[in-house]
Amino acid sequence: MKMLMALVTIASAVALASAQTFSVPDDVALRIRLDDTLTSVDSEVGDPFSATVVDHGHYQNARVYGHIAEIDPSGKLKGHTSMMLRFDRLVMPDGRRASIQGEIVELLLA
């Protein structure tokens, strides 16, 4: 079984004021491991997913939550499917959370 890892750049979104929220600086790059299996056969637009930050440092073991924003199924001739993921929030191990936006800049199959 292959494990999907990604390098994601994060931009902090404006969050509602709360003692449990914090801000993530723009352009933070995090290496994450997808916790859920996402496939073009079983997954649907809107399905939630989570990932764990595997980098050592301040964000280690934080959880990233998001949802599938778009699935473009493969054609019979092209043979590849694309899936767009939206990153919604980052939750630190101590429970603090931040609304985020992110983009995948590199995919690794481990």
N, C-alpha and C. Protein backbone atom coordinates (compact mmCIF):
# COMPACT_ATOMS: atom_id res chain seq x y z
N MET A 1 0.85 -1.18 0.00
CA MET A 1 0.00 0.00 0.00
C MET A 1 0.89 1.24 0.00
N LYS A 2 0.65 2.17 -0.89
CA LYS A 2 1.44 3.38 -0.97
C LYS A 2 0.85 4.45 -0.07
N MET A 3 1.71 5.22 0.56
CA MET A 3 1.27 6.30 1.43
C MET A 3 1.51 7.62 0.71
N LEU A 4 0.52 8.49 0.72
CA LEU A 4 0.62 9.77 0.05
C LEU A 4 1.11 10.82 1.02
N MET A 5 2.19 11.49 0.66
CA MET A 5 2.69 12.60 1.44
C MET A 5 2.74 13.80 0.51
N ALA A 6 2.57 14.98 1.09
CA ALA A 6 2.57 16.19 0.27
C ALA A 6 3.27 17.30 1.02
N LEU A 7 3.87 18.20 0.27
CA LEU A 7 4.39 19.43 0.82
C LEU A 7 3.37 20.50 0.48
N VAL A 8 2.84 21.15 1.50
CA VAL A 8 1.76 22.11 1.34
C VAL A 8 2.23 23.47 1.81
N THR A 9 1.96 24.52 1.04
CA THR A 9 2.20 25.87 1.54
C THR A 9 0.88 26.39 2.08
N ILE A 10 0.96 27.03 3.23
CA ILE A 10 -0.21 27.46 3.97
C ILE A 10 -0.27 28.98 4.02
N ALA A 11 -1.46 29.50 3.89
CA ALA A 11 -1.73 30.91 4.14
C ALA A 11 -2.82 30.97 5.19
N SER A 12 -2.64 31.78 6.18
CA SER A 12 -3.62 31.88 7.24
C SER A 12 -4.83 32.67 6.76
N ALA A 13 -6.00 32.20 7.11
CA ALA A 13 -7.23 32.92 6.81
C ALA A 13 -7.68 33.61 8.09
N VAL A 14 -8.52 34.60 7.94
CA VAL A 14 -9.02 35.31 9.11
C VAL A 14 -9.91 34.36 9.89
N ALA A 15 -9.65 34.24 11.19
CA ALA A 15 -10.42 33.35 12.04
C ALA A 15 -11.22 34.17 13.04
N LEU A 16 -12.29 33.59 13.53
CA LEU A 16 -13.07 34.25 14.57
C LEU A 16 -12.25 34.33 15.84
N ALA A 17 -12.37 35.40 16.58
CA ALA A 17 -11.60 35.59 17.80
C ALA A 17 -12.04 34.58 18.86
N SER A 18 -11.08 33.91 19.43
CA SER A 18 -11.33 32.93 20.48
C SER A 18 -10.01 32.63 21.16
N ALA A 19 -10.07 32.19 22.39
CA ALA A 19 -8.86 31.83 23.13
C ALA A 19 -8.19 30.62 22.50
N GLN A 20 -8.94 29.82 21.73
CA GLN A 20 -8.40 28.60 21.14
C GLN A 20 -7.85 28.80 19.73
N THR A 21 -7.96 30.00 19.16
CA THR A 21 -7.49 30.21 17.79
C THR A 21 -6.12 30.89 17.79
N PHE A 22 -5.42 30.72 16.69
CA PHE A 22 -4.13 31.38 16.50
C PHE A 22 -3.94 31.59 15.00
N SER A 23 -2.91 32.28 14.62
CA SER A 23 -2.63 32.55 13.21
C SER A 23 -1.40 31.78 12.76
N VAL A 24 -1.44 31.29 11.56
CA VAL A 24 -0.30 30.65 10.93
C VAL A 24 0.29 31.66 9.96
N PRO A 25 1.59 31.92 10.03
CA PRO A 25 2.19 32.88 9.09
C PRO A 25 1.99 32.43 7.64
N ASP A 26 1.86 33.41 6.74
CA ASP A 26 1.73 33.09 5.32
C ASP A 26 2.99 32.39 4.84
N ASP A 27 2.82 31.58 3.82
CA ASP A 27 3.92 30.87 3.14
C ASP A 27 4.67 29.87 4.02
N VAL A 28 4.01 29.34 5.03
CA VAL A 28 4.60 28.25 5.81
C VAL A 28 4.46 26.98 4.97
N ALA A 29 5.54 26.23 4.84
CA ALA A 29 5.50 24.96 4.11
C ALA A 29 5.48 23.82 5.12
N LEU A 30 4.52 22.94 4.99
CA LEU A 30 4.38 21.81 5.89
C LEU A 30 4.36 20.51 5.10
N ARG A 31 5.11 19.53 5.56
CA ARG A 31 5.06 18.20 4.97
C ARG A 31 3.99 17.43 5.73
N ILE A 32 2.99 16.93 5.00
CA ILE A 32 1.87 16.25 5.63
C ILE A 32 1.73 14.83 5.09
N ARG A 33 1.14 13.96 5.90
CA ARG A 33 0.81 12.60 5.48
C ARG A 33 -0.71 12.47 5.53
N LEU A 34 -1.30 12.11 4.42
CA LEU A 34 -2.74 11.95 4.36
C LEU A 34 -3.18 10.82 5.29
N ASP A 35 -4.17 11.07 6.14
CA ASP A 35 -4.68 10.06 7.06
C ASP A 35 -5.75 9.20 6.39
N ASP A 36 -6.37 9.71 5.36
CA ASP A 36 -7.47 9.02 4.68
C ASP A 36 -7.04 8.62 3.28
N THR A 37 -7.64 7.56 2.78
CA THR A 37 -7.41 7.15 1.40
C THR A 37 -8.44 7.85 0.52
N LEU A 38 -7.96 8.58 -0.46
CA LEU A 38 -8.85 9.28 -1.40
C LEU A 38 -8.67 8.64 -2.77
N THR A 39 -9.76 8.19 -3.35
CA THR A 39 -9.69 7.58 -4.67
C THR A 39 -10.78 8.16 -5.56
N SER A 40 -10.56 8.10 -6.85
CA SER A 40 -11.56 8.60 -7.80
C SER A 40 -12.77 7.68 -7.85
N VAL A 41 -12.64 6.46 -7.36
CA VAL A 41 -13.74 5.50 -7.37
C VAL A 41 -14.64 5.69 -6.15
N ASP A 42 -14.05 5.84 -4.97
CA ASP A 42 -14.82 5.87 -3.72
C ASP A 42 -15.08 7.27 -3.17
N SER A 43 -14.29 8.24 -3.56
CA SER A 43 -14.42 9.59 -3.00
C SER A 43 -15.37 10.44 -3.83
N GLU A 44 -15.98 11.43 -3.15
CA GLU A 44 -16.90 12.35 -3.83
C GLU A 44 -16.57 13.78 -3.44
N VAL A 45 -16.95 14.71 -4.30
CA VAL A 45 -16.78 16.12 -3.99
C VAL A 45 -17.49 16.41 -2.66
N GLY A 46 -16.82 17.12 -1.78
CA GLY A 46 -17.37 17.45 -0.47
C GLY A 46 -16.91 16.52 0.63
N ASP A 47 -16.36 15.35 0.28
CA ASP A 47 -15.88 14.43 1.31
C ASP A 47 -14.76 15.07 2.11
N PRO A 48 -14.79 14.91 3.44
CA PRO A 48 -13.73 15.46 4.27
C PRO A 48 -12.50 14.54 4.26
N PHE A 49 -11.35 15.13 4.58
CA PHE A 49 -10.13 14.35 4.77
C PHE A 49 -9.32 15.00 5.87
N SER A 50 -8.37 14.25 6.39
CA SER A 50 -7.44 14.82 7.36
C SER A 50 -6.03 14.35 7.01
N ALA A 51 -5.06 15.09 7.51
CA ALA A 51 -3.65 14.77 7.30
C ALA A 51 -2.90 15.16 8.57
N THR A 52 -1.76 14.54 8.78
CA THR A 52 -0.93 14.82 9.95
C THR A 52 0.37 15.47 9.48
N VAL A 53 0.79 16.53 10.16
CA VAL A 53 2.05 17.19 9.84
C VAL A 53 3.18 16.29 10.34
N VAL A 54 4.09 15.92 9.45
CA VAL A 54 5.19 15.01 9.80
C VAL A 54 6.52 15.74 9.95
N ASP A 55 6.55 17.05 9.69
CA ASP A 55 7.78 17.83 9.90
C ASP A 55 8.12 17.87 11.38
N HIS A 56 9.40 17.93 11.68
CA HIS A 56 9.84 18.19 13.04
C HIS A 56 9.75 19.70 13.25
N GLY A 57 9.47 20.14 14.43
CA GLY A 57 9.38 21.56 14.68
C GLY A 57 8.05 21.95 15.28
N HIS A 58 7.73 23.23 15.16
CA HIS A 58 6.58 23.83 15.83
C HIS A 58 5.24 23.16 15.49
N TYR A 59 5.04 22.73 14.25
CA TYR A 59 3.75 22.19 13.82
C TYR A 59 3.70 20.66 13.82
N GLN A 60 4.74 20.00 14.33
CA GLN A 60 4.80 18.54 14.33
C GLN A 60 3.56 17.94 14.99
N ASN A 61 2.99 16.94 14.33
CA ASN A 61 1.80 16.20 14.79
C ASN A 61 0.52 17.02 14.78
N ALA A 62 0.55 18.24 14.24
CA ALA A 62 -0.70 18.98 14.07
C ALA A 62 -1.53 18.26 13.00
N ARG A 63 -2.82 18.49 13.02
CA ARG A 63 -3.70 17.87 12.04
C ARG A 63 -4.22 18.94 11.08
N VAL A 64 -4.25 18.60 9.82
CA VAL A 64 -4.80 19.47 8.78
C VAL A 64 -6.11 18.83 8.32
N TYR A 65 -7.16 19.63 8.27
CA TYR A 65 -8.47 19.13 7.84
C TYR A 65 -8.89 19.88 6.58
N GLY A 66 -9.58 19.18 5.70
CA GLY A 66 -10.05 19.80 4.48
C GLY A 66 -11.14 18.96 3.84
N HIS A 67 -11.41 19.27 2.58
CA HIS A 67 -12.43 18.53 1.85
C HIS A 67 -12.06 18.47 0.37
N ILE A 68 -12.66 17.53 -0.32
CA ILE A 68 -12.44 17.40 -1.76
C ILE A 68 -13.28 18.46 -2.45
N ALA A 69 -12.63 19.34 -3.20
CA ALA A 69 -13.33 20.43 -3.86
C ALA A 69 -13.76 20.06 -5.27
N GLU A 70 -13.01 19.18 -5.92
CA GLU A 70 -13.31 18.86 -7.32
C GLU A 70 -12.66 17.54 -7.69
N ILE A 71 -13.35 16.75 -8.48
CA ILE A 71 -12.79 15.52 -9.04
C ILE A 71 -13.05 15.56 -10.54
N ASP A 72 -11.98 15.43 -11.32
CA ASP A 72 -12.08 15.38 -12.77
C ASP A 72 -11.71 13.96 -13.19
N PRO A 73 -12.73 13.11 -13.46
CA PRO A 73 -12.44 11.70 -13.76
C PRO A 73 -11.62 11.53 -15.03
N SER A 74 -10.87 10.45 -15.05
CA SER A 74 -10.02 10.19 -16.21
C SER A 74 -10.87 9.79 -17.40
N GLY A 75 -10.39 10.16 -18.54
CA GLY A 75 -11.03 9.72 -19.78
C GLY A 75 -10.46 8.36 -20.16
N LYS A 76 -11.09 7.69 -21.09
CA LYS A 76 -10.61 6.37 -21.50
C LYS A 76 -9.28 6.46 -22.23
N LEU A 77 -9.01 7.59 -22.88
CA LEU A 77 -7.75 7.73 -23.61
C LEU A 77 -6.66 8.33 -22.74
N LYS A 78 -6.98 9.32 -21.93
CA LYS A 78 -5.96 10.00 -21.12
C LYS A 78 -5.53 9.13 -19.96
N GLY A 79 -6.47 8.51 -19.26
CA GLY A 79 -6.14 7.58 -18.20
C GLY A 79 -5.66 8.19 -16.89
N HIS A 80 -5.87 9.47 -16.63
CA HIS A 80 -5.48 10.03 -15.34
C HIS A 80 -6.60 10.92 -14.80
N THR A 81 -6.76 10.86 -13.50
CA THR A 81 -7.80 11.62 -12.81
C THR A 81 -7.14 12.72 -12.00
N SER A 82 -7.78 13.86 -11.93
CA SER A 82 -7.26 14.91 -11.05
C SER A 82 -8.27 15.16 -9.95
N MET A 83 -7.74 15.51 -8.78
CA MET A 83 -8.57 15.76 -7.61
C MET A 83 -8.05 17.04 -6.95
N MET A 84 -8.94 18.00 -6.73
CA MET A 84 -8.55 19.25 -6.08
C MET A 84 -8.95 19.17 -4.61
N LEU A 85 -7.98 19.42 -3.74
CA LEU A 85 -8.22 19.40 -2.30
C LEU A 85 -8.22 20.81 -1.76
N ARG A 86 -9.14 21.11 -0.85
CA ARG A 86 -9.19 22.40 -0.15
C ARG A 86 -8.79 22.14 1.29
N PHE A 87 -7.88 22.96 1.79
CA PHE A 87 -7.44 22.87 3.18
C PHE A 87 -8.20 23.92 3.98
N ASP A 88 -8.84 23.49 5.07
CA ASP A 88 -9.74 24.36 5.82
C ASP A 88 -9.17 24.83 7.16
N ARG A 89 -8.56 23.93 7.91
CA ARG A 89 -8.07 24.32 9.23
C ARG A 89 -6.90 23.44 9.66
N LEU A 90 -6.11 24.02 10.54
CA LEU A 90 -4.98 23.34 11.16
C LEU A 90 -5.26 23.29 12.65
N VAL A 91 -5.16 22.11 13.24
CA VAL A 91 -5.41 21.95 14.68
C VAL A 91 -4.13 21.45 15.33
N MET A 92 -3.62 22.22 16.26
CA MET A 92 -2.39 21.87 16.98
C MET A 92 -2.68 20.76 17.99
N PRO A 93 -1.67 20.01 18.41
CA PRO A 93 -1.88 18.95 19.40
C PRO A 93 -2.50 19.46 20.71
N ASP A 94 -2.28 20.73 21.05
CA ASP A 94 -2.85 21.27 22.29
C ASP A 94 -4.27 21.79 22.11
N GLY A 95 -4.84 21.64 20.89
CA GLY A 95 -6.22 22.04 20.64
C GLY A 95 -6.40 23.39 19.97
N ARG A 96 -5.36 24.21 19.91
CA ARG A 96 -5.49 25.49 19.21
C ARG A 96 -5.74 25.22 17.75
N ARG A 97 -6.54 26.09 17.13
CA ARG A 97 -6.89 25.88 15.72
C ARG A 97 -6.78 27.17 14.93
N ALA A 98 -6.48 27.02 13.65
CA ALA A 98 -6.37 28.16 12.74
C ALA A 98 -7.07 27.82 11.44
N SER A 99 -7.83 28.76 10.91
CA SER A 99 -8.39 28.61 9.56
C SER A 99 -7.25 28.83 8.59
N ILE A 100 -7.15 27.98 7.58
CA ILE A 100 -6.04 28.07 6.63
C ILE A 100 -6.54 27.91 5.20
N GLN A 101 -5.70 28.31 4.28
CA GLN A 101 -5.83 28.00 2.87
C GLN A 101 -4.48 27.46 2.46
N GLY A 102 -4.45 26.48 1.60
CA GLY A 102 -3.16 25.91 1.22
C GLY A 102 -3.18 25.38 -0.18
N GLU A 103 -2.01 25.09 -0.69
CA GLU A 103 -1.89 24.47 -1.99
C GLU A 103 -0.77 23.45 -1.94
N ILE A 104 -0.98 22.36 -2.64
CA ILE A 104 0.03 21.31 -2.70
C ILE A 104 1.10 21.76 -3.68
N VAL A 105 2.35 21.73 -3.24
CA VAL A 105 3.45 22.13 -4.12
C VAL A 105 4.28 20.92 -4.55
N GLU A 106 4.12 19.78 -3.87
CA GLU A 106 4.86 18.57 -4.24
C GLU A 106 4.15 17.37 -3.66
N LEU A 107 4.04 16.30 -4.45
CA LEU A 107 3.46 15.04 -3.99
C LEU A 107 4.54 13.98 -3.97
N LEU A 108 4.53 13.17 -2.92
CA LEU A 108 5.49 12.08 -2.79
C LEU A 108 4.71 10.81 -2.48
N LEU A 109 5.04 9.73 -3.15
CA LEU A 109 4.45 8.44 -2.81
C LEU A 109 5.51 7.67 -2.03
N ALA A 110 5.16 7.30 -0.81
CA ALA A 110 6.13 6.57 0.03
C ALA A 110 5.72 5.14 0.18
